């Protein structure tokens, strides 16, 4: 569990009622992205409050009425996913900067300047973001922010995200890690073979091809079969 002095308030509003938990601001992203584990470590205390700053706990009747359960961890997940997190100014600044750098790094990897067919330098992306007045929401996913950012900077710099399709076959001995593939890349078609192997068609930004191949080789010890379709 996070200590009370480092915790922040996450608040979910339902009508006139507030439901609050004290959480570790560093763990909010992973929980919001769907991580099933770690919620107990994110909470400073196993309580749902009506007003956390005053230590006023909510009633079980109110919890049942709104969440249909009194399970603290289940309710906390919903509060974190659907509610608001009250960061301090410094915490927000830090998270915005971290997320901005992640967005810039991703755009550099997946996009090109169609005039030169070369990647844009990170500094050029950052300058275009400033000019376009791109707003970085620290609790939005990187994928969502990248999409918003590319749309915003497109009138300022020539930018193109070229996608390719890759067919692959993972031998049966390594299919236990297929879930990692699905979590990290866009699988457009998939099929399990009678011999237990897994075949699929992936769509990825051209700039991420080498990264994908490295990932596939790592999880299959180099035994994956791949083919660039287009």
C-alpha atoms as a PDB file:
ATOM      1  CA  UNK A   1       0.000   0.000   0.000  1.00  0.00           C
ATOM      2  CA  UNK A   2       1.038   3.576  -0.658  1.00  0.00           C
ATOM      3  CA  UNK A   3       1.602   5.799   2.380  1.00  0.00           C
ATOM      4  CA  UNK A   4      -1.007   8.425   3.251  1.00  0.00           C
ATOM      5  CA  UNK A   5       1.395  11.311   2.690  1.00  0.00           C
ATOM      6  CA  UNK A   6       1.931  10.249  -0.934  1.00  0.00           C
ATOM      7  CA  UNK A   7      -1.699   9.363  -1.700  1.00  0.00           C
ATOM      8  CA  UNK A   8      -4.138  11.535  -3.652  1.00  0.00           C
ATOM      9  CA  UNK A   9      -7.916  11.507  -3.778  1.00  0.00           C
ATOM     10  CA  UNK A  10      -9.812   9.759  -6.575  1.00  0.00           C
ATOM     11  CA  UNK A  11     -13.466  10.835  -6.652  1.00  0.00           C
ATOM     12  CA  UNK A  12     -16.558   9.378  -8.319  1.00  0.00           C
ATOM     13  CA  UNK A  13     -19.750  11.424  -8.289  1.00  0.00           C
ATOM     14  CA  UNK A  14     -23.237   9.929  -8.465  1.00  0.00           C
ATOM     15  CA  UNK A  15     -25.989  12.484  -8.106  1.00  0.00           C
ATOM     16  CA  UNK A  16     -25.251  14.426  -4.945  1.00  0.00           C
ATOM     17  CA  UNK A  17     -23.105  11.654  -3.501  1.00  0.00           C
ATOM     18  CA  UNK A  18     -19.293  11.538  -3.559  1.00  0.00           C
ATOM     19  CA  UNK A  19     -17.331   8.302  -3.327  1.00  0.00           C
ATOM     20  CA  UNK A  20     -13.611   8.723  -2.721  1.00  0.00           C
ATOM     21  CA  UNK A  21     -10.526   6.578  -2.250  1.00  0.00           C
ATOM     22  CA  UNK A  22      -6.944   7.481  -1.368  1.00  0.00           C
ATOM     23  CA  UNK A  23      -4.614   6.147  -4.056  1.00  0.00           C
ATOM     24  CA  UNK A  24      -1.046   6.080  -5.329  1.00  0.00           C
ATOM     25  CA  UNK A  25      -0.950   8.525  -8.292  1.00  0.00           C
ATOM     26  CA  UNK A  26       1.785   6.438  -9.939  1.00  0.00           C
ATOM     27  CA  UNK A  27      -0.511   3.404 -10.270  1.00  0.00           C
ATOM     28  CA  UNK A  28      -3.566   5.140 -11.722  1.00  0.00           C
ATOM     29  CA  UNK A  29      -2.533   4.677 -15.378  1.00  0.00           C
ATOM     30  CA  UNK A  30      -2.087   0.899 -15.173  1.00  0.00           C
ATOM     31  CA  UNK A  31      -5.396   0.404 -13.386  1.00  0.00           C
ATOM     32  CA  UNK A  32      -7.253   2.634 -15.823  1.00  0.00           C
ATOM     33  CA  UNK A  33      -5.763   0.668 -18.708  1.00  0.00           C
ATOM     34  CA  UNK A  34      -7.333  -2.510 -17.371  1.00  0.00           C
ATOM     35  CA  UNK A  35      -4.698  -4.104 -15.139  1.00  0.00           C
ATOM     36  CA  UNK A  36      -6.470  -6.581 -12.890  1.00  0.00           C
ATOM     37  CA  UNK A  37      -3.729  -6.873 -10.330  1.00  0.00           C
ATOM     38  CA  UNK A  38      -2.270  -4.235  -8.068  1.00  0.00           C
ATOM     39  CA  UNK A  39      -5.396  -2.420  -6.881  1.00  0.00           C
ATOM     40  CA  UNK A  40      -4.683  -3.368  -3.275  1.00  0.00           C
ATOM     41  CA  UNK A  41      -1.202  -1.836  -3.586  1.00  0.00           C
ATOM     42  CA  UNK A  42      -2.639   1.350  -5.080  1.00  0.00           C
ATOM     43  CA  UNK A  43      -4.867   2.094  -2.081  1.00  0.00           C
ATOM     44  CA  UNK A  44      -3.585   3.925   0.985  1.00  0.00           C
ATOM     45  CA  UNK A  45      -6.437   2.497   3.093  1.00  0.00           C
ATOM     46  CA  UNK A  46      -9.102  -0.121   2.400  1.00  0.00           C
ATOM     47  CA  UNK A  47     -11.989   2.289   2.789  1.00  0.00           C
ATOM     48  CA  UNK A  48     -14.472   4.151   0.602  1.00  0.00           C
ATOM     49  CA  UNK A  49     -15.044   7.704   1.804  1.00  0.00           C
ATOM     50  CA  UNK A  50     -17.724  10.301   1.310  1.00  0.00           C
ATOM     51  CA  UNK A  51     -15.105  12.933   2.147  1.00  0.00           C
ATOM     52  CA  UNK A  52     -11.580  11.519   2.378  1.00  0.00           C
ATOM     53  CA  UNK A  53     -10.040  14.794   3.555  1.00  0.00           C
ATOM     54  CA  UNK A  54     -12.282  14.706   6.628  1.00  0.00           C
ATOM     55  CA  UNK A  55     -12.090  10.939   7.069  1.00  0.00           C
ATOM     56  CA  UNK A  56     -15.869  10.589   6.600  1.00  0.00           C
ATOM     57  CA  UNK A  57     -16.704   7.094   5.369  1.00  0.00           C
ATOM     58  CA  UNK A  58     -19.638   6.339   3.113  1.00  0.00           C
ATOM     59  CA  UNK A  59     -22.372   3.946   4.217  1.00  0.00           C
ATOM     60  CA  UNK A  60     -22.835   0.376   3.038  1.00  0.00           C
ATOM     61  CA  UNK A  61     -26.373   1.283   1.917  1.00  0.00           C
ATOM     62  CA  UNK A  62     -24.994   3.985  -0.391  1.00  0.00           C
ATOM     63  CA  UNK A  63     -22.371   1.603  -1.754  1.00  0.00           C
ATOM     64  CA  UNK A  64     -24.980  -1.040  -2.532  1.00  0.00           C
ATOM     65  CA  UNK A  65     -27.293   1.520  -4.116  1.00  0.00           C
ATOM     66  CA  UNK A  66     -24.630   2.804  -6.523  1.00  0.00           C
ATOM     67  CA  UNK A  67     -22.183  -0.082  -7.023  1.00  0.00           C
ATOM     68  CA  UNK A  68     -24.313  -3.131  -6.076  1.00  0.00           C
ATOM     69  CA  UNK A  69     -21.448  -4.326  -3.883  1.00  0.00           C
ATOM     70  CA  UNK A  70     -19.533  -3.334  -0.758  1.00  0.00           C
ATOM     71  CA  UNK A  71     -16.259  -4.857  -1.949  1.00  0.00           C
ATOM     72  CA  UNK A  72     -13.688  -2.087  -1.555  1.00  0.00           C
ATOM     73  CA  UNK A  73     -11.369  -3.247  -4.339  1.00  0.00           C
ATOM     74  CA  UNK A  74     -14.153  -3.605  -6.908  1.00  0.00           C
ATOM     75  CA  UNK A  75     -15.529  -0.182  -6.039  1.00  0.00           C
ATOM     76  CA  UNK A  76     -12.055   1.380  -6.060  1.00  0.00           C
ATOM     77  CA  UNK A  77     -11.446   0.065  -9.595  1.00  0.00           C
ATOM     78  CA  UNK A  78     -14.612   1.734 -10.810  1.00  0.00           C
ATOM     79  CA  UNK A  79     -13.784   4.984  -9.042  1.00  0.00           C
ATOM     80  CA  UNK A  80     -10.351   5.042 -10.648  1.00  0.00           C
ATOM     81  CA  UNK A  81     -11.613   4.141 -14.126  1.00  0.00           C
ATOM     82  CA  UNK A  82     -14.657   6.415 -14.199  1.00  0.00           C
ATOM     83  CA  UNK A  83     -13.883   9.138 -11.689  1.00  0.00           C
ATOM     84  CA  UNK A  84     -11.449  12.030 -11.345  1.00  0.00           C
ATOM     85  CA  UNK A  85      -8.018  11.954  -9.722  1.00  0.00           C
ATOM     86  CA  UNK A  86      -7.061  15.035  -7.744  1.00  0.00           C
ATOM     87  CA  UNK A  87      -3.356  15.511  -8.469  1.00  0.00           C
ATOM     88  CA  UNK A  88      -1.251  18.250  -6.986  1.00  0.00           C
ATOM     89  CA  UNK A  89       0.091  20.835  -9.434  1.00  0.00           C
ATOM     90  CA  UNK A  90       3.551  19.255  -9.318  1.00  0.00           C
ATOM     91  CA  UNK A  91       2.202  15.724  -9.773  1.00  0.00           C
ATOM     92  CA  UNK A  92       0.125  16.826 -12.762  1.00  0.00           C
ATOM     93  CA  UNK A  93       3.064  18.680 -14.315  1.00  0.00           C
ATOM     94  CA  UNK A  94       5.269  15.614 -13.951  1.00  0.00           C
ATOM     95  CA  UNK A  95       2.687  13.236 -15.430  1.00  0.00           C
ATOM     96  CA  UNK A  96       1.915  15.586 -18.322  1.00  0.00           C
ATOM     97  CA  UNK A  97       5.622  15.836 -19.155  1.00  0.00           C
ATOM     98  CA  UNK A  98       6.082  12.070 -18.982  1.00  0.00           C
ATOM     99  CA  UNK A  99       3.042  11.417 -21.175  1.00  0.00           C
ATOM    100  CA  UNK A 100       4.091  14.126 -23.661  1.00  0.00           C
ATOM    101  CA  UNK A 101       7.510  12.518 -24.067  1.00  0.00           C
ATOM    102  CA  UNK A 102       5.867   9.133 -24.626  1.00  0.00           C
ATOM    103  CA  UNK A 103       3.630  10.634 -27.315  1.00  0.00           C
ATOM    104  CA  UNK A 104       6.573  12.297 -29.090  1.00  0.00           C
ATOM    105  CA  UNK A 105       8.627   9.103 -28.969  1.00  0.00           C
ATOM    106  CA  UNK A 106       5.738   7.054 -30.383  1.00  0.00           C
ATOM    107  CA  UNK A 107       5.053   9.506 -33.211  1.00  0.00           C
ATOM    108  CA  UNK A 108       8.736   9.511 -34.161  1.00  0.00           C
ATOM    109  CA  UNK A 109       8.646   5.715 -34.395  1.00  0.00           C
ATOM    110  CA  UNK A 110       5.454   5.275 -36.386  1.00  0.00           C
ATOM    111  CA  UNK A 111       5.401   8.270 -38.741  1.00  0.00           C
ATOM    112  CA  UNK A 112       7.415   9.719 -41.607  1.00  0.00           C
ATOM    113  CA  UNK A 113       7.719  12.970 -43.504  1.00  0.00           C
ATOM    114  CA  UNK A 114       6.112  12.015 -46.861  1.00  0.00           C
ATOM    115  CA  UNK A 115       8.225  14.642 -48.640  1.00  0.00           C
ATOM    116  CA  UNK A 116      11.480  12.920 -47.680  1.00  0.00           C
ATOM    117  CA  UNK A 117      10.283   9.455 -46.554  1.00  0.00           C
ATOM    118  CA  UNK A 118      12.299   9.903 -43.371  1.00  0.00           C
ATOM    119  CA  UNK A 119      11.199  10.149 -39.723  1.00  0.00           C
ATOM    120  CA  UNK A 120      10.596  13.543 -38.144  1.00  0.00           C
ATOM    121  CA  UNK A 121      13.099  14.477 -35.402  1.00  0.00           C
ATOM    122  CA  UNK A 122      11.595  14.586 -31.906  1.00  0.00           C
ATOM    123  CA  UNK A 123      12.284  18.324 -31.611  1.00  0.00           C
ATOM    124  CA  UNK A 124      10.265  19.037 -34.759  1.00  0.00           C
ATOM    125  CA  UNK A 125       7.315  17.066 -33.364  1.00  0.00           C
ATOM    126  CA  UNK A 126       7.527  18.923 -30.051  1.00  0.00           C
ATOM    127  CA  UNK A 127       7.652  22.345 -31.746  1.00  0.00           C
ATOM    128  CA  UNK A 128       4.626  21.442 -33.879  1.00  0.00           C
ATOM    129  CA  UNK A 129       2.744  20.335 -30.755  1.00  0.00           C
ATOM    130  CA  UNK A 130       3.436  23.678 -29.100  1.00  0.00           C
ATOM    131  CA  UNK A 131       2.335  25.568 -32.191  1.00  0.00           C
ATOM    132  CA  UNK A 132      -0.859  23.503 -32.415  1.00  0.00           C
ATOM    133  CA  UNK A 133      -1.447  24.015 -28.669  1.00  0.00           C
ATOM    134  CA  UNK A 134      -1.834  20.272 -28.114  1.00  0.00           C
ATOM    135  CA  UNK A 135      -3.338  19.479 -24.716  1.00  0.00           C
ATOM    136  CA  UNK A 136      -1.951  16.407 -22.973  1.00  0.00           C
ATOM    137  CA  UNK A 137      -4.418  14.747 -20.631  1.00  0.00           C
ATOM    138  CA  UNK A 138      -2.212  12.773 -18.214  1.00  0.00           C
ATOM    139  CA  UNK A 139      -4.856  10.070 -17.818  1.00  0.00           C
ATOM    140  CA  UNK A 140      -5.588   9.383 -21.475  1.00  0.00           C
ATOM    141  CA  UNK A 141      -3.870   6.432 -23.141  1.00  0.00           C
ATOM    142  CA  UNK A 142      -0.810   7.038 -25.303  1.00  0.00           C
ATOM    143  CA  UNK A 143      -2.678   5.598 -28.306  1.00  0.00           C
ATOM    144  CA  UNK A 144      -5.512   8.099 -27.879  1.00  0.00           C
ATOM    145  CA  UNK A 145      -3.119  11.011 -27.386  1.00  0.00           C
ATOM    146  CA  UNK A 146      -1.053  10.038 -30.419  1.00  0.00           C
ATOM    147  CA  UNK A 147      -4.177  10.003 -32.577  1.00  0.00           C
ATOM    148  CA  UNK A 148      -5.250  13.437 -31.291  1.00  0.00           C
ATOM    149  CA  UNK A 149      -1.746  14.862 -31.660  1.00  0.00           C
ATOM    150  CA  UNK A 150      -1.174  13.685 -35.223  1.00  0.00           C
ATOM    151  CA  UNK A 151      -4.516  15.200 -36.236  1.00  0.00           C
ATOM    152  CA  UNK A 152      -3.570  18.492 -34.562  1.00  0.00           C
ATOM    153  CA  UNK A 153      -0.076  18.839 -36.050  1.00  0.00           C
ATOM    154  CA  UNK A 154      -0.928  17.646 -39.565  1.00  0.00           C
ATOM    155  CA  UNK A 155      -1.742  21.208 -40.767  1.00  0.00           C
ATOM    156  CA  UNK A 156       1.650  22.355 -39.465  1.00  0.00           C
ATOM    157  CA  UNK A 157       4.075  19.696 -40.699  1.00  0.00           C
ATOM    158  CA  UNK A 158       3.762  17.039 -43.418  1.00  0.00           C
ATOM    159  CA  UNK A 159       3.243  13.765 -41.589  1.00  0.00           C
ATOM    160  CA  UNK A 160       2.148  10.313 -42.648  1.00  0.00           C
ATOM    161  CA  UNK A 161       1.578   7.127 -40.704  1.00  0.00           C
ATOM    162  CA  UNK A 162       2.187   4.271 -43.105  1.00  0.00           C
ATOM    163  CA  UNK A 163       0.801   0.892 -42.075  1.00  0.00           C
ATOM    164  CA  UNK A 164       1.824  -2.567 -43.217  1.00  0.00           C
ATOM    165  CA  UNK A 165       0.262  -5.986 -42.751  1.00  0.00           C
ATOM    166  CA  UNK A 166       2.333  -8.884 -41.489  1.00  0.00           C
ATOM    167  CA  UNK A 167       1.327 -12.532 -41.551  1.00  0.00           C
ATOM    168  CA  UNK A 168       2.861 -14.738 -38.874  1.00  0.00           C
ATOM    169  CA  UNK A 169       2.880 -18.258 -37.501  1.00  0.00           C
ATOM    170  CA  UNK A 170       3.833 -19.024 -33.914  1.00  0.00           C
ATOM    171  CA  UNK A 171       4.711 -22.678 -33.171  1.00  0.00           C
ATOM    172  CA  UNK A 172       2.574 -24.485 -30.595  1.00  0.00           C
ATOM    173  CA  UNK A 173       5.443 -24.533 -28.086  1.00  0.00           C
ATOM    174  CA  UNK A 174       5.307 -20.728 -27.760  1.00  0.00           C
ATOM    175  CA  UNK A 175       1.601 -19.918 -28.029  1.00  0.00           C
ATOM    176  CA  UNK A 176       1.375 -19.378 -24.275  1.00  0.00           C
ATOM    177  CA  UNK A 177       2.530 -15.830 -24.938  1.00  0.00           C
ATOM    178  CA  UNK A 178       0.024 -15.029 -27.681  1.00  0.00           C
ATOM    179  CA  UNK A 179      -1.870 -12.851 -25.191  1.00  0.00           C
ATOM    180  CA  UNK A 180       1.142 -10.500 -25.095  1.00  0.00           C
ATOM    181  CA  UNK A 181       0.963 -10.167 -28.865  1.00  0.00           C
ATOM    182  CA  UNK A 182      -2.732  -9.293 -28.730  1.00  0.00           C
ATOM    183  CA  UNK A 183      -2.184  -6.778 -25.935  1.00  0.00           C
ATOM    184  CA  UNK A 184       0.570  -4.935 -27.794  1.00  0.00           C
ATOM    185  CA  UNK A 185      -0.415  -5.102 -31.465  1.00  0.00           C
ATOM    186  CA  UNK A 186      -3.496  -4.943 -33.664  1.00  0.00           C
ATOM    187  CA  UNK A 187      -4.465  -8.465 -34.707  1.00  0.00           C
ATOM    188  CA  UNK A 188      -6.921  -8.273 -37.633  1.00  0.00           C
ATOM    189  CA  UNK A 189      -7.269 -12.009 -38.253  1.00  0.00           C
ATOM    190  CA  UNK A 190      -6.321 -15.057 -36.244  1.00  0.00           C
ATOM    191  CA  UNK A 191      -6.686 -18.828 -36.379  1.00  0.00           C
ATOM    192  CA  UNK A 192      -5.580 -21.770 -34.277  1.00  0.00           C
ATOM    193  CA  UNK A 193      -4.229 -24.706 -36.258  1.00  0.00           C
ATOM    194  CA  UNK A 194      -4.801 -28.415 -35.569  1.00  0.00           C
ATOM    195  CA  UNK A 195      -1.159 -28.801 -34.553  1.00  0.00           C
ATOM    196  CA  UNK A 196      -1.626 -26.143 -31.867  1.00  0.00           C
ATOM    197  CA  UNK A 197       0.194 -23.394 -33.726  1.00  0.00           C
ATOM    198  CA  UNK A 198      -1.213 -19.892 -34.051  1.00  0.00           C
ATOM    199  CA  UNK A 199      -1.447 -17.921 -37.288  1.00  0.00           C
ATOM    200  CA  UNK A 200      -2.498 -14.305 -37.540  1.00  0.00           C
ATOM    201  CA  UNK A 201      -2.495 -11.166 -39.619  1.00  0.00           C
ATOM    202  CA  UNK A 202      -1.307  -7.994 -37.930  1.00  0.00           C
ATOM    203  CA  UNK A 203      -1.584  -4.356 -38.935  1.00  0.00           C
ATOM    204  CA  UNK A 204       1.204  -2.158 -37.585  1.00  0.00           C
ATOM    205  CA  UNK A 205       2.757   1.218 -38.394  1.00  0.00           C
ATOM    206  CA  UNK A 206       5.676   0.690 -40.757  1.00  0.00           C
ATOM    207  CA  UNK A 207       8.005   2.342 -38.270  1.00  0.00           C
ATOM    208  CA  UNK A 208       7.277  -0.377 -35.710  1.00  0.00           C
ATOM    209  CA  UNK A 209       8.142  -3.330 -37.969  1.00  0.00           C
ATOM    210  CA  UNK A 210      11.589  -3.959 -36.508  1.00  0.00           C
ATOM    211  CA  UNK A 211      10.227  -3.661 -32.988  1.00  0.00           C
ATOM    212  CA  UNK A 212       7.535  -6.246 -33.792  1.00  0.00           C
ATOM    213  CA  UNK A 213      10.052  -8.672 -35.273  1.00  0.00           C
ATOM    214  CA  UNK A 214      12.289  -8.324 -32.209  1.00  0.00           C
ATOM    215  CA  UNK A 215       9.315  -9.002 -29.954  1.00  0.00           C
ATOM    216  CA  UNK A 216       8.249 -12.074 -31.949  1.00  0.00           C
ATOM    217  CA  UNK A 217      11.771 -13.482 -32.012  1.00  0.00           C
ATOM    218  CA  UNK A 218      12.070 -12.962 -28.279  1.00  0.00           C
ATOM    219  CA  UNK A 219       8.870 -14.836 -27.382  1.00  0.00           C
ATOM    220  CA  UNK A 220       9.547 -17.699 -29.833  1.00  0.00           C
ATOM    221  CA  UNK A 221      13.324 -17.988 -29.576  1.00  0.00           C
ATOM    222  CA  UNK A 222      13.543 -17.071 -33.241  1.00  0.00           C
ATOM    223  CA  UNK A 223      11.158 -19.796 -34.445  1.00  0.00           C
ATOM    224  CA  UNK A 224       8.363 -17.480 -35.598  1.00  0.00           C
ATOM    225  CA  UNK A 225       7.533 -17.354 -39.307  1.00  0.00           C
ATOM    226  CA  UNK A 226       6.652 -13.941 -40.734  1.00  0.00           C
ATOM    227  CA  UNK A 227       5.816 -12.382 -44.075  1.00  0.00           C
ATOM    228  CA  UNK A 228       5.144  -8.759 -44.953  1.00  0.00           C
ATOM    229  CA  UNK A 229       1.890  -8.843 -46.891  1.00  0.00           C
ATOM    230  CA  UNK A 230       1.840  -5.172 -47.845  1.00  0.00           C
END
